[in-house]
């Protein structure tokens, strides 16, 4: 290859941009628990039950329960099935507050850590005849039960940084391999020496791709197991991690990348081997979707296919343009640029359409309403990516309509101008890729919007209540309150009321009946952020009942 100063700088720029991307947010979220966070229970639950919004990995899950003194009271290993985690609970030693700390691995391979507290307050027993006064359990604190400060063990900063660097190298090497294979098989087919050079480079870069897969596995194992790398690679942990979806996808991609390397190096003079290597590389592009957001979608086949099409089009477009700018367009190149540029332009035209359609499908599967484009971080990143795409499409049109004819008419004069525009286009592409990486590192819009909703689910008289506050932010909120009997059917109550209180603020919600056992607050103004103690009161079977909990207003 000729001296690729411009693209080398561009690749370093994308490395910096991707390295600056925010750490991955957890994409699985806790949607309910028994007991509910912030609730008060009168009877000791036999187990803690956590329900998440999506399937989680069966390995590497941890749930611990502590009393107010920091003593563990859970019993046995957590049992994980689908999206549900259960851990047995021993006898609660005394009335008081208890903290549940959990760490699980979500379906898209990200660790999810959080905690909540509940309060155990058994009914006061009738005092026995005795000169000693009867003991009455204390009332719940005004702010509800608060989790104690106990941290779960983590893998450390080195493993987190290592995981992200290995992802970065994986994506860059994947893109370059696709571009080099494209050059060796299609773009440079009139130039045998350049073809062989491109395929040789594709084989060598594929070896870097293989190493990035190995690094992804090791650092992914470390983060999942919450252990430093030397400890994580011991014993049976690697085997367990190989059984997770992330571990399986990384190992398969590594094997396909190795096959690509062997065939590309062996296929320098044999086209069939090179074509087979390109086919293996194409299969390897399924892996990121399998271990990422697409792999957790309800419409799994559509999500995986759309993600693969998007990635194949992007790597073809970016990788092909980088190779064109480094091998064909420099003044020192002996390759006549008109034919390779024309071939790339046709492929890029197809890639533009595929990127646009598949990107729209991917976004639509993660956005529930148009308003989430502006109200969520994920939606805002989609709009940024769309603007960058428009800029790239404009430059591509300019190259096709002006620079290609000029290149055919006067290659020596047009070469420099075409290369400058190509480098600008690569720069915008790299910004777009960094935005795409940030999208992969951000909670999707639907999950982000849902995670803002605060809820309380706890016992109430003979049944239970479900209360939600949406979007649980300062300003106008909608509240829904459901009264349910032991069978989960609507429970008839009278004179229901809901109050929210924190020091210096008390709010009385105005309830409207929306159906049997269902009450709503259409517009509740909350002017201060903070943790509110919530009290729900109503008359059931002639008796007044009250349930309490807490909600966090941001």
Protein backbone atom coordinates (compact mmCIF):
# COMPACT_ATOMS: atom_id res chain seq x y z
CA UNK A 1 0.00 0.00 0.00
CA UNK A 2 1.10 3.59 -0.54
CA UNK A 3 1.68 5.88 2.40
CA UNK A 4 -1.84 6.25 3.94
CA UNK A 5 -1.25 9.36 6.06
CA UNK A 6 -4.75 10.83 5.76
CA UNK A 7 -6.73 7.61 6.48
CA UNK A 8 -4.29 6.68 9.24
CA UNK A 9 -5.05 9.97 10.96
CA UNK A 10 -8.76 9.36 10.35
CA UNK A 11 -8.58 5.92 11.93
CA UNK A 12 -6.76 7.38 14.94
CA UNK A 13 -9.51 9.97 15.17
CA UNK A 14 -12.24 7.35 15.24
CA UNK A 15 -10.26 5.43 17.85
CA UNK A 16 -10.23 8.51 20.04
CA UNK A 17 -13.90 9.22 19.43
CA UNK A 18 -14.94 5.68 20.24
CA UNK A 19 -12.69 5.56 23.29
CA UNK A 20 -14.41 8.70 24.58
CA UNK A 21 -17.85 7.11 24.22
CA UNK A 22 -19.68 6.74 27.51
CA UNK A 23 -19.48 3.38 29.27
CA UNK A 24 -22.32 1.02 28.49
CA UNK A 25 -25.47 1.56 30.46
CA UNK A 26 -27.37 -1.43 31.66
CA UNK A 27 -29.99 -2.43 29.12
CA UNK A 28 -31.91 -4.84 31.31
CA UNK A 29 -33.83 -3.16 34.12
CA UNK A 30 -35.68 -4.32 37.18
CA UNK A 31 -39.43 -3.90 36.61
CA UNK A 32 -40.79 -5.41 39.82
CA UNK A 33 -39.76 -7.21 42.96
CA UNK A 34 -41.34 -9.12 45.82
CA UNK A 35 -41.16 -7.43 48.27
CA UNK A 36 -41.36 -4.14 46.38
CA UNK A 37 -38.63 -1.59 46.92
CA UNK A 38 -39.66 0.90 49.58
CA UNK A 39 -42.58 -1.25 50.74
CA UNK A 40 -43.50 -2.44 54.22
CA UNK A 41 -44.43 -6.10 54.77
CA UNK A 42 -46.16 -7.64 57.77
CA UNK A 43 -45.08 -11.24 57.06
CA UNK A 44 -41.65 -12.66 56.25
CA UNK A 45 -41.50 -13.53 52.51
CA UNK A 46 -40.07 -17.02 51.81
CA UNK A 47 -37.90 -15.66 49.00
CA UNK A 48 -36.87 -12.51 47.19
CA UNK A 49 -38.18 -12.41 43.60
CA UNK A 50 -36.72 -10.02 41.01
CA UNK A 51 -38.42 -9.59 37.62
CA UNK A 52 -36.51 -7.91 34.78
CA UNK A 53 -37.78 -6.50 31.49
CA UNK A 54 -35.88 -9.05 29.40
CA UNK A 55 -34.16 -12.42 29.61
CA UNK A 56 -30.93 -12.41 31.59
CA UNK A 57 -27.98 -14.79 31.56
CA UNK A 58 -28.31 -17.83 33.78
CA UNK A 59 -24.68 -17.56 34.92
CA UNK A 60 -22.88 -14.95 36.98
CA UNK A 61 -25.96 -13.67 38.82
CA UNK A 62 -25.69 -12.56 42.44
CA UNK A 63 -28.35 -11.50 44.95
CA UNK A 64 -27.56 -10.72 48.58
CA UNK A 65 -29.89 -9.63 51.39
CA UNK A 66 -28.61 -7.75 54.46
CA UNK A 67 -30.15 -6.60 57.70
CA UNK A 68 -29.58 -3.08 59.00
CA UNK A 69 -26.34 -4.20 60.72
CA UNK A 70 -24.86 -5.51 57.44
CA UNK A 71 -25.34 -9.23 58.19
CA UNK A 72 -26.34 -11.49 55.28
CA UNK A 73 -29.63 -13.33 55.71
CA UNK A 74 -30.19 -14.87 52.25
CA UNK A 75 -29.88 -18.61 51.84
CA UNK A 76 -28.44 -20.54 48.88
CA UNK A 77 -27.56 -19.58 45.33
CA UNK A 78 -29.88 -17.39 43.20
CA UNK A 79 -32.13 -19.34 40.81
CA UNK A 80 -32.36 -17.66 37.37
CA UNK A 81 -35.04 -18.57 34.82
CA UNK A 82 -35.66 -16.32 31.83
CA UNK A 83 -36.21 -12.84 33.22
CA UNK A 84 -36.83 -13.94 36.83
CA UNK A 85 -34.34 -14.29 39.70
CA UNK A 86 -35.24 -15.95 43.00
CA UNK A 87 -33.19 -16.26 46.17
CA UNK A 88 -34.38 -18.05 49.30
CA UNK A 89 -34.70 -15.99 52.46
CA UNK A 90 -34.06 -17.18 55.98
CA UNK A 91 -35.86 -15.93 59.07
CA UNK A 92 -35.74 -12.19 59.46
CA UNK A 93 -34.12 -11.64 62.87
CA UNK A 94 -36.24 -8.68 63.94
CA UNK A 95 -38.49 -5.89 62.68
CA UNK A 96 -36.55 -3.30 60.72
CA UNK A 97 -35.18 -2.36 57.30
CA UNK A 98 -33.55 -4.88 54.95
CA UNK A 99 -31.40 -4.23 51.87
CA UNK A 100 -31.41 -6.32 48.67
CA UNK A 101 -28.27 -5.93 46.53
CA UNK A 102 -28.16 -7.61 43.12
CA UNK A 103 -25.82 -7.94 40.18
CA UNK A 104 -26.88 -9.85 37.06
CA UNK A 105 -25.73 -10.05 33.43
CA UNK A 106 -28.32 -8.73 30.99
CA UNK A 107 -29.09 -10.43 27.70
CA UNK A 108 -26.87 -7.96 25.81
CA UNK A 109 -23.89 -8.88 28.07
CA UNK A 110 -23.88 -5.79 30.30
CA UNK A 111 -23.74 -6.14 34.09
CA UNK A 112 -26.74 -4.69 35.93
CA UNK A 113 -26.17 -3.65 39.53
CA UNK A 114 -28.58 -1.96 41.92
CA UNK A 115 -30.17 -2.20 45.35
CA UNK A 116 -33.40 -1.47 47.14
CA UNK A 117 -34.75 -1.72 50.67
CA UNK A 118 -37.96 -2.96 52.23
CA UNK A 119 -39.22 -2.82 55.79
CA UNK A 120 -40.49 -5.71 57.93
CA UNK A 121 -43.11 -4.60 60.48
CA UNK A 122 -45.13 -7.48 61.97
CA UNK A 123 -48.51 -6.60 63.53
CA UNK A 124 -48.28 -5.69 67.20
CA UNK A 125 -49.30 -8.67 69.32
CA UNK A 126 -51.75 -8.31 72.18
CA UNK A 127 -49.82 -7.63 75.38
CA UNK A 128 -49.61 -10.51 77.84
CA UNK A 129 -50.55 -9.75 81.47
CA UNK A 130 -47.25 -8.58 82.82
CA UNK A 131 -45.89 -5.64 84.70
CA UNK A 132 -43.53 -5.01 81.80
CA UNK A 133 -44.85 -2.73 79.02
CA UNK A 134 -45.66 -4.32 75.67
CA UNK A 135 -43.18 -3.70 72.83
CA UNK A 136 -44.67 -1.95 69.81
CA UNK A 137 -42.68 -2.07 66.59
CA UNK A 138 -41.49 1.38 65.55
CA UNK A 139 -43.26 3.19 62.72
CA UNK A 140 -41.60 3.28 59.32
CA UNK A 141 -39.27 6.26 58.86
CA UNK A 142 -40.68 9.28 57.06
CA UNK A 143 -38.54 8.68 53.97
CA UNK A 144 -39.25 4.95 53.84
CA UNK A 145 -36.64 2.20 54.19
CA UNK A 146 -33.24 3.19 52.79
CA UNK A 147 -30.59 0.73 51.47
CA UNK A 148 -27.43 0.46 53.53
CA UNK A 149 -24.06 1.19 51.95
CA UNK A 150 -22.77 -2.24 50.90
CA UNK A 151 -20.90 -2.66 47.61
CA UNK A 152 -20.69 -5.76 45.46
CA UNK A 153 -17.27 -6.78 44.20
CA UNK A 154 -16.32 -5.51 40.72
CA UNK A 155 -13.73 -6.41 38.08
CA UNK A 156 -11.99 -3.05 38.30
CA UNK A 157 -11.24 -0.23 35.90
CA UNK A 158 -8.58 -2.16 33.96
CA UNK A 159 -11.08 -4.80 32.83
CA UNK A 160 -13.72 -2.22 31.92
CA UNK A 161 -11.23 -0.23 29.82
CA UNK A 162 -9.85 -3.44 28.31
CA UNK A 163 -13.32 -4.54 27.25
CA UNK A 164 -13.96 -1.26 25.46
CA UNK A 165 -10.58 -1.17 23.77
CA UNK A 166 -11.07 -4.72 22.52
CA UNK A 167 -14.50 -3.73 21.14
CA UNK A 168 -12.87 -0.80 19.37
CA UNK A 169 -10.13 -2.93 17.80
CA UNK A 170 -12.72 -5.54 16.85
CA UNK A 171 -14.85 -3.09 14.93
CA UNK A 172 -11.97 -1.29 13.18
CA UNK A 173 -10.28 -4.54 12.12
CA UNK A 174 -13.63 -5.94 10.92
CA UNK A 175 -14.22 -2.84 8.79
CA UNK A 176 -10.73 -2.93 7.27
CA UNK A 177 -11.00 -6.65 6.48
CA UNK A 178 -14.27 -6.12 4.62
CA UNK A 179 -12.79 -3.18 2.69
CA UNK A 180 -9.63 -5.09 1.75
CA UNK A 181 -11.56 -8.17 0.65
CA UNK A 182 -13.83 -5.92 -1.40
CA UNK A 183 -10.76 -4.38 -3.07
CA UNK A 184 -9.12 -7.76 -3.70
CA UNK A 185 -12.21 -9.33 -5.24
CA UNK A 186 -14.04 -6.48 -6.99
CA UNK A 187 -12.51 -3.00 -6.98
CA UNK A 188 -9.02 -3.96 -8.22
CA UNK A 189 -9.84 -6.92 -10.45
CA UNK A 190 -7.93 -5.35 -13.40
CA UNK A 191 -4.78 -5.01 -11.30
CA UNK A 192 -3.49 -8.46 -10.20
CA UNK A 193 -0.56 -7.20 -8.15
CA UNK A 194 -2.76 -4.78 -6.22
CA UNK A 195 -5.35 -7.54 -5.73
CA UNK A 196 -2.79 -9.85 -4.18
CA UNK A 197 -1.53 -7.08 -1.95
CA UNK A 198 -5.06 -6.27 -0.76
CA UNK A 199 -5.84 -9.94 0.00
CA UNK A 200 -2.54 -10.37 1.83
CA UNK A 201 -3.34 -7.35 3.98
CA UNK A 202 -6.86 -8.68 4.57
CA UNK A 203 -5.37 -11.90 5.92
CA UNK A 204 -3.00 -10.09 8.25
CA UNK A 205 -5.65 -7.69 9.55
CA UNK A 206 -7.92 -10.72 10.11
CA UNK A 207 -5.34 -12.01 12.58
CA UNK A 208 -5.74 -8.75 14.53
CA UNK A 209 -9.50 -9.37 14.35
CA UNK A 210 -8.94 -12.82 15.90
CA UNK A 211 -6.88 -11.32 18.73
CA UNK A 212 -9.60 -8.75 19.41
CA UNK A 213 -12.11 -11.61 19.79
CA UNK A 214 -9.82 -13.29 22.31
CA UNK A 215 -9.52 -10.01 24.22
CA UNK A 216 -13.31 -9.54 24.13
CA UNK A 217 -13.78 -12.99 25.65
CA UNK A 218 -11.18 -12.49 28.42
CA UNK A 219 -12.29 -9.00 29.43
CA UNK A 220 -15.97 -9.89 29.03
CA UNK A 221 -15.43 -12.84 31.37
CA UNK A 222 -13.64 -10.60 33.87
CA UNK A 223 -16.46 -8.03 33.90
CA UNK A 224 -19.19 -10.69 34.08
CA UNK A 225 -17.51 -12.56 36.93
CA UNK A 226 -16.58 -9.30 38.72
CA UNK A 227 -13.01 -10.58 39.09
CA UNK A 228 -9.65 -9.32 37.84
CA UNK A 229 -8.42 -11.15 34.74
CA UNK A 230 -5.88 -13.44 36.53
CA UNK A 231 -8.64 -14.71 38.84
CA UNK A 232 -11.39 -14.85 36.22
CA UNK A 233 -9.50 -17.16 33.83
CA UNK A 234 -9.04 -19.83 36.49
CA UNK A 235 -11.15 -22.91 37.13
CA UNK A 236 -14.56 -23.41 35.57
CA UNK A 237 -15.42 -19.74 34.97
CA UNK A 238 -14.22 -19.64 31.31
CA UNK A 239 -16.37 -22.68 30.54
CA UNK A 240 -19.39 -21.06 32.14
CA UNK A 241 -18.80 -17.84 30.23
CA UNK A 242 -18.49 -19.78 26.97
CA UNK A 243 -22.07 -20.91 27.58
CA UNK A 244 -23.43 -17.34 27.67
CA UNK A 245 -24.75 -15.68 24.53
CA UNK A 246 -21.93 -13.12 24.52
CA UNK A 247 -19.27 -15.78 25.02
CA UNK A 248 -20.68 -18.01 22.29
CA UNK A 249 -20.95 -15.16 19.78
CA UNK A 250 -17.39 -13.96 20.43
CA UNK A 251 -15.93 -17.45 20.07
CA UNK A 252 -17.82 -18.09 16.83
CA UNK A 253 -16.72 -14.73 15.42
CA UNK A 254 -13.11 -15.48 16.39
CA UNK A 255 -13.25 -18.85 14.60
CA UNK A 256 -14.74 -17.24 11.48
CA UNK A 257 -12.13 -14.47 11.55
CA UNK A 258 -9.37 -17.08 11.77
CA UNK A 259 -10.85 -18.91 8.79
CA UNK A 260 -10.99 -15.61 6.91
CA UNK A 261 -7.31 -14.99 7.65
CA UNK A 262 -6.23 -18.43 6.41
CA UNK A 263 -8.30 -18.27 3.22
CA UNK A 264 -7.37 -14.66 2.41
CA UNK A 265 -3.66 -15.43 2.76
CA UNK A 266 -4.01 -18.66 0.76
CA UNK A 267 -6.27 -17.03 -1.83
CA UNK A 268 -3.84 -14.40 -3.11
CA UNK A 269 -3.66 -16.28 -6.40
CA UNK A 270 -6.81 -18.38 -6.11
CA UNK A 271 -10.05 -16.46 -6.32
CA UNK A 272 -12.30 -19.25 -5.01
CA UNK A 273 -10.46 -19.37 -1.69
CA UNK A 274 -10.67 -15.59 -1.37
CA UNK A 275 -14.42 -15.70 -2.09
CA UNK A 276 -14.85 -18.35 0.60
CA UNK A 277 -12.89 -16.15 3.03
CA UNK A 278 -15.20 -13.24 2.23
CA UNK A 279 -18.21 -15.49 2.92
CA UNK A 280 -16.79 -16.37 6.36
CA UNK A 281 -16.24 -12.67 7.08
CA UNK A 282 -19.84 -12.01 6.10
CA UNK A 283 -21.06 -14.66 8.54
CA UNK A 284 -18.89 -13.12 11.27
CA UNK A 285 -20.86 -9.87 10.91
CA UNK A 286 -23.83 -11.61 12.57
CA UNK A 287 -21.96 -11.73 15.90
CA UNK A 288 -22.32 -8.09 17.09
CA UNK A 289 -26.09 -8.23 16.67
CA UNK A 290 -26.24 -11.58 18.43
CA UNK A 291 -24.44 -10.30 21.54
CA UNK A 292 -25.99 -6.81 21.43
CA UNK A 293 -29.39 -5.12 21.40
CA UNK A 294 -30.74 -7.09 18.46
CA UNK A 295 -30.24 -10.37 20.32
CA UNK A 296 -32.70 -9.29 23.02
CA UNK A 297 -35.46 -8.14 20.66
CA UNK A 298 -38.87 -9.79 20.65
CA UNK A 299 -38.76 -9.86 16.83
CA UNK A 300 -35.44 -11.68 16.94
CA UNK A 301 -35.11 -12.79 13.29
CA UNK A 302 -35.99 -9.34 11.92
CA UNK A 303 -33.71 -7.57 14.40
CA UNK A 304 -30.71 -9.82 13.68
CA UNK A 305 -31.19 -9.62 9.89
CA UNK A 306 -31.57 -5.83 9.97
CA UNK A 307 -28.51 -5.43 12.21
CA UNK A 308 -26.43 -7.65 9.91
CA UNK A 309 -27.54 -5.72 6.80
CA UNK A 310 -26.70 -2.43 8.49
CA UNK A 311 -23.26 -3.62 9.57
CA UNK A 312 -22.48 -5.20 6.18
CA UNK A 313 -23.42 -1.99 4.36
CA UNK A 314 -21.47 0.24 6.74
CA UNK A 315 -18.28 -1.87 6.63
CA UNK A 316 -18.51 -2.11 2.84
CA UNK A 317 -18.97 1.63 2.52
CA UNK A 318 -16.37 2.74 5.07
CA UNK A 319 -13.84 -0.02 4.44
CA UNK A 320 -14.09 0.35 0.66
CA UNK A 321 -13.64 4.09 0.78
CA UNK A 322 -10.61 3.82 3.08
CA UNK A 323 -8.96 1.34 0.70
CA UNK A 324 -9.83 3.54 -2.29
CA UNK A 325 -8.26 6.57 -0.60
CA UNK A 326 -5.09 4.71 0.44
CA UNK A 327 -4.39 2.41 -2.51
CA UNK A 328 -5.96 4.02 -5.57
CA UNK A 329 -6.21 7.80 -5.20
CA UNK A 330 -2.74 8.87 -3.94
CA UNK A 331 -0.59 10.52 -6.63
CA UNK A 332 2.12 7.91 -6.09
CA UNK A 333 -0.26 5.06 -6.95
CA UNK A 334 0.26 3.30 -10.29
CA UNK A 335 -3.37 2.14 -10.39
CA UNK A 336 -5.63 3.86 -12.92
CA UNK A 337 -8.36 5.22 -10.62
CA UNK A 338 -11.38 5.56 -12.94
CA UNK A 339 -12.56 1.91 -13.02
CA UNK A 340 -12.10 1.14 -9.28
CA UNK A 341 -13.81 4.43 -8.38
CA UNK A 342 -16.75 3.64 -10.65
CA UNK A 343 -17.16 0.18 -9.12
CA UNK A 344 -17.00 1.56 -5.60
CA UNK A 345 -19.54 4.26 -6.45
CA UNK A 346 -22.06 1.64 -7.54
CA UNK A 347 -21.53 -0.40 -4.37
CA UNK A 348 -21.74 2.74 -2.23
CA UNK A 349 -25.06 3.64 -3.86
CA UNK A 350 -26.51 0.29 -2.79
CA UNK A 351 -24.95 0.66 0.67
CA UNK A 352 -26.62 4.07 1.15
CA UNK A 353 -30.06 2.56 0.61
CA UNK A 354 -29.35 -0.44 2.85
CA UNK A 355 -27.94 1.73 5.65
CA UNK A 356 -30.98 4.03 5.50
CA UNK A 357 -33.59 1.25 5.46
CA UNK A 358 -31.93 -0.99 8.04
CA UNK A 359 -31.17 1.97 10.30
CA UNK A 360 -34.83 3.01 10.17
CA UNK A 361 -35.90 -0.54 11.05
CA UNK A 362 -33.44 -0.73 13.94
CA UNK A 363 -34.62 2.63 15.31
CA UNK A 364 -38.31 1.79 14.93
CA UNK A 365 -37.85 -1.40 16.95
CA UNK A 366 -36.44 0.63 19.88
CA UNK A 367 -38.65 3.75 19.78
CA UNK A 368 -42.25 3.51 20.97
CA UNK A 369 -43.31 7.02 19.96
CA UNK A 370 -41.90 9.95 17.91
CA UNK A 371 -41.61 12.00 21.09
CA UNK A 372 -38.85 9.68 22.32
CA UNK A 373 -36.57 11.05 19.59
CA UNK A 374 -36.26 14.24 21.63
CA UNK A 375 -37.03 13.01 25.15
CA UNK A 376 -34.42 10.21 25.37
CA UNK A 377 -30.64 10.15 24.93
CA UNK A 378 -30.94 7.24 22.51
CA UNK A 379 -33.44 9.15 20.37
CA UNK A 380 -31.20 12.24 20.26
CA UNK A 381 -28.28 10.08 19.10
CA UNK A 382 -30.48 8.66 16.32
CA UNK A 383 -31.17 12.23 15.11
CA UNK A 384 -27.44 13.07 15.23
CA UNK A 385 -26.64 9.96 13.22
CA UNK A 386 -29.34 10.87 10.70
CA UNK A 387 -27.82 14.33 10.20
CA UNK A 388 -24.36 12.83 9.71
CA UNK A 389 -25.81 10.35 7.24
CA UNK A 390 -27.30 13.25 5.27
CA UNK A 391 -23.85 14.89 5.11
CA UNK A 392 -22.23 11.67 3.93
CA UNK A 393 -24.93 11.14 1.30
CA UNK A 394 -24.41 14.69 -0.01
CA UNK A 395 -20.65 14.17 -0.37
CA UNK A 396 -21.25 10.81 -2.02
CA UNK A 397 -23.60 12.44 -4.52
CA UNK A 398 -21.02 15.14 -5.23
CA UNK A 399 -18.33 12.53 -5.80
CA UNK A 400 -20.56 10.58 -8.17
CA UNK A 401 -21.92 13.54 -10.12
CA UNK A 402 -18.75 15.66 -10.42
CA UNK A 403 -15.59 13.87 -9.39
CA UNK A 404 -16.16 10.57 -11.20
CA UNK A 405 -16.58 12.24 -14.64
CA UNK A 406 -13.55 14.43 -13.91
CA UNK A 407 -11.54 11.37 -12.89
CA UNK A 408 -12.41 9.61 -16.14
CA UNK A 409 -11.51 12.70 -18.23
CA UNK A 410 -8.28 13.73 -16.50
CA UNK A 411 -7.13 11.24 -13.81
CA UNK A 412 -3.93 13.07 -12.87
CA UNK A 413 -5.68 16.38 -12.21
CA UNK A 414 -8.86 15.01 -10.57
CA UNK A 415 -7.06 12.47 -8.35
CA UNK A 416 -6.12 14.96 -5.64
CA UNK A 417 -9.55 16.60 -5.51
CA UNK A 418 -11.35 13.27 -5.34
CA UNK A 419 -9.03 12.11 -2.55
CA UNK A 420 -9.66 15.25 -0.50
CA UNK A 421 -13.42 14.81 -0.74
CA UNK A 422 -13.03 11.10 0.06
CA UNK A 423 -11.05 11.91 3.21
CA UNK A 424 -13.71 14.41 4.32
CA UNK A 425 -16.35 11.75 3.71
CA UNK A 426 -14.30 9.24 5.74
CA UNK A 427 -14.05 11.77 8.58
CA UNK A 428 -17.83 12.21 8.70
CA UNK A 429 -18.25 8.43 8.46
CA UNK A 430 -16.01 8.04 11.48
CA UNK A 431 -18.13 10.55 13.41
CA UNK A 432 -21.17 8.53 12.39
CA UNK A 433 -19.50 5.32 13.57
CA UNK A 434 -18.71 6.94 16.92
CA UNK A 435 -22.38 7.92 17.21
CA UNK A 436 -23.37 4.34 16.40
CA UNK A 437 -21.04 3.12 19.15
CA UNK A 438 -22.63 5.55 21.58
CA UNK A 439 -26.04 4.13 20.54
CA UNK A 440 -24.80 0.64 21.39
CA UNK A 441 -23.63 2.00 24.75
CA UNK A 442 -26.92 3.72 25.62
CA UNK A 443 -30.18 2.34 26.93
CA UNK A 444 -32.59 2.09 23.95
CA UNK A 445 -35.36 4.70 23.87
CA UNK A 446 -38.17 2.35 24.86
CA UNK A 447 -36.23 0.97 27.84
CA UNK A 448 -35.01 4.43 28.86
CA UNK A 449 -38.54 5.85 28.82
CA UNK A 450 -39.90 2.87 30.73
CA UNK A 451 -37.11 3.02 33.31
CA UNK A 452 -38.18 6.53 34.28
CA UNK A 453 -41.52 5.30 35.54
CA UNK A 454 -41.55 4.88 39.31
CA UNK A 455 -43.78 2.18 40.74
CA UNK A 456 -44.89 0.76 44.07
CA UNK A 457 -46.34 -2.74 44.38
CA UNK A 458 -47.14 -3.89 47.89
CA UNK A 459 -49.75 -5.59 50.06
CA UNK A 460 -52.97 -3.76 50.86
CA UNK A 461 -55.59 -5.32 53.12
CA UNK A 462 -56.50 -8.71 51.68
CA UNK A 463 -54.85 -7.92 48.31
CA UNK A 464 -52.32 -5.52 46.90
CA UNK A 465 -51.86 -2.17 45.18
CA UNK A 466 -49.94 -1.10 42.09
CA UNK A 467 -49.06 2.59 41.81
CA UNK A 468 -47.09 4.16 38.93
CA UNK A 469 -45.80 7.72 38.49
CA UNK A 470 -44.91 8.63 34.89
CA UNK A 471 -42.40 10.10 33.97
CA UNK A 472 -41.39 10.67 37.62
CA UNK A 473 -39.71 14.00 36.90
CA UNK A 474 -40.25 17.55 38.14
CA UNK A 475 -43.31 18.99 36.38
CA UNK A 476 -46.51 17.29 35.24
CA UNK A 477 -46.92 13.57 35.98
CA UNK A 478 -49.61 10.97 35.35
CA UNK A 479 -50.39 8.50 38.13
CA UNK A 480 -52.24 5.18 37.94
CA UNK A 481 -53.40 3.30 41.03
CA UNK A 482 -54.77 -0.26 40.91
CA UNK A 483 -56.37 -2.07 43.85
CA UNK A 484 -56.23 -5.87 43.37
CA UNK A 485 -57.65 -8.79 45.34
CA UNK A 486 -55.58 -11.93 46.18
CA UNK A 487 -56.48 -13.40 42.77
CA UNK A 488 -55.23 -10.31 40.94
CA UNK A 489 -58.73 -9.10 40.06
CA UNK A 490 -59.96 -5.51 40.65
CA UNK A 491 -60.70 -4.85 44.31
CA UNK A 492 -63.59 -2.53 45.17
CA UNK A 493 -62.60 0.19 47.65
CA UNK A 494 -64.11 3.45 48.85
CA UNK A 495 -62.61 6.82 49.72
CA UNK A 496 -59.17 6.17 48.23
CA UNK A 497 -56.43 8.76 48.69
CA UNK A 498 -52.78 9.16 47.73
CA UNK A 499 -50.31 11.54 49.35
CA UNK A 500 -46.65 12.24 48.59
CA UNK A 501 -44.44 13.81 51.23
CA UNK A 502 -40.85 14.86 51.77
CA UNK A 503 -39.46 17.41 54.24
CA UNK A 504 -41.12 20.76 53.51
CA UNK A 505 -43.53 19.36 50.88
CA UNK A 506 -46.80 17.45 51.10
CA UNK A 507 -48.90 16.74 48.01
CA UNK A 508 -52.43 15.34 48.01
CA UNK A 509 -53.26 13.69 44.67
CA UNK A 510 -56.68 14.23 43.11
CA UNK A 511 -57.94 10.79 42.10
CA UNK A 512 -60.45 10.02 39.35
CA UNK A 513 -61.96 6.56 38.97
CA UNK A 514 -61.04 5.11 35.57
CA UNK A 515 -62.54 1.65 36.08
CA UNK A 516 -63.16 -1.07 38.67
CA UNK A 517 -60.34 -0.79 41.22
CA UNK A 518 -58.47 1.63 38.91
CA UNK A 519 -57.88 5.28 39.78
CA UNK A 520 -55.82 7.85 37.93
CA UNK A 521 -54.33 11.30 38.42
CA UNK A 522 -54.31 13.02 35.04
CA UNK A 523 -51.89 15.83 35.91
CA UNK A 524 -50.00 15.86 39.19
CA UNK A 525 -47.60 18.79 39.47
CA UNK A 526 -44.41 17.97 41.40
CA UNK A 527 -42.14 20.97 41.84
CA UNK A 528 -39.23 19.48 43.77
CA UNK A 529 -36.93 16.55 43.00
CA UNK A 530 -36.13 14.00 45.69
CA UNK A 531 -37.38 10.88 47.44
CA UNK A 532 -41.05 11.08 48.37
CA UNK A 533 -42.79 8.93 50.96
CA UNK A 534 -46.09 7.74 49.47
CA UNK A 535 -49.15 6.74 51.50
CA UNK A 536 -52.15 5.02 49.86
CA UNK A 537 -55.28 4.81 52.00
CA UNK A 538 -58.74 3.39 51.27
CA UNK A 539 -61.65 1.63 52.98
CA UNK A 540 -61.91 -2.12 52.32
CA UNK A 541 -64.73 -4.24 53.81
CA UNK A 542 -65.56 -1.46 56.25
CA UNK A 543 -61.99 -1.06 57.53
CA UNK A 544 -59.48 1.64 56.73
CA UNK A 545 -56.24 0.29 55.22
CA UNK A 546 -52.95 2.04 54.44
CA UNK A 547 -49.90 1.05 52.39
CA UNK A 548 -46.64 2.97 52.14
CA UNK A 549 -43.68 3.15 49.79
CA UNK A 550 -41.24 5.59 48.21
CA UNK A 551 -40.75 7.06 44.72
CA UNK A 552 -37.77 8.96 43.33
CA UNK A 553 -38.57 12.15 41.43
CA UNK A 554 -35.78 13.40 39.17
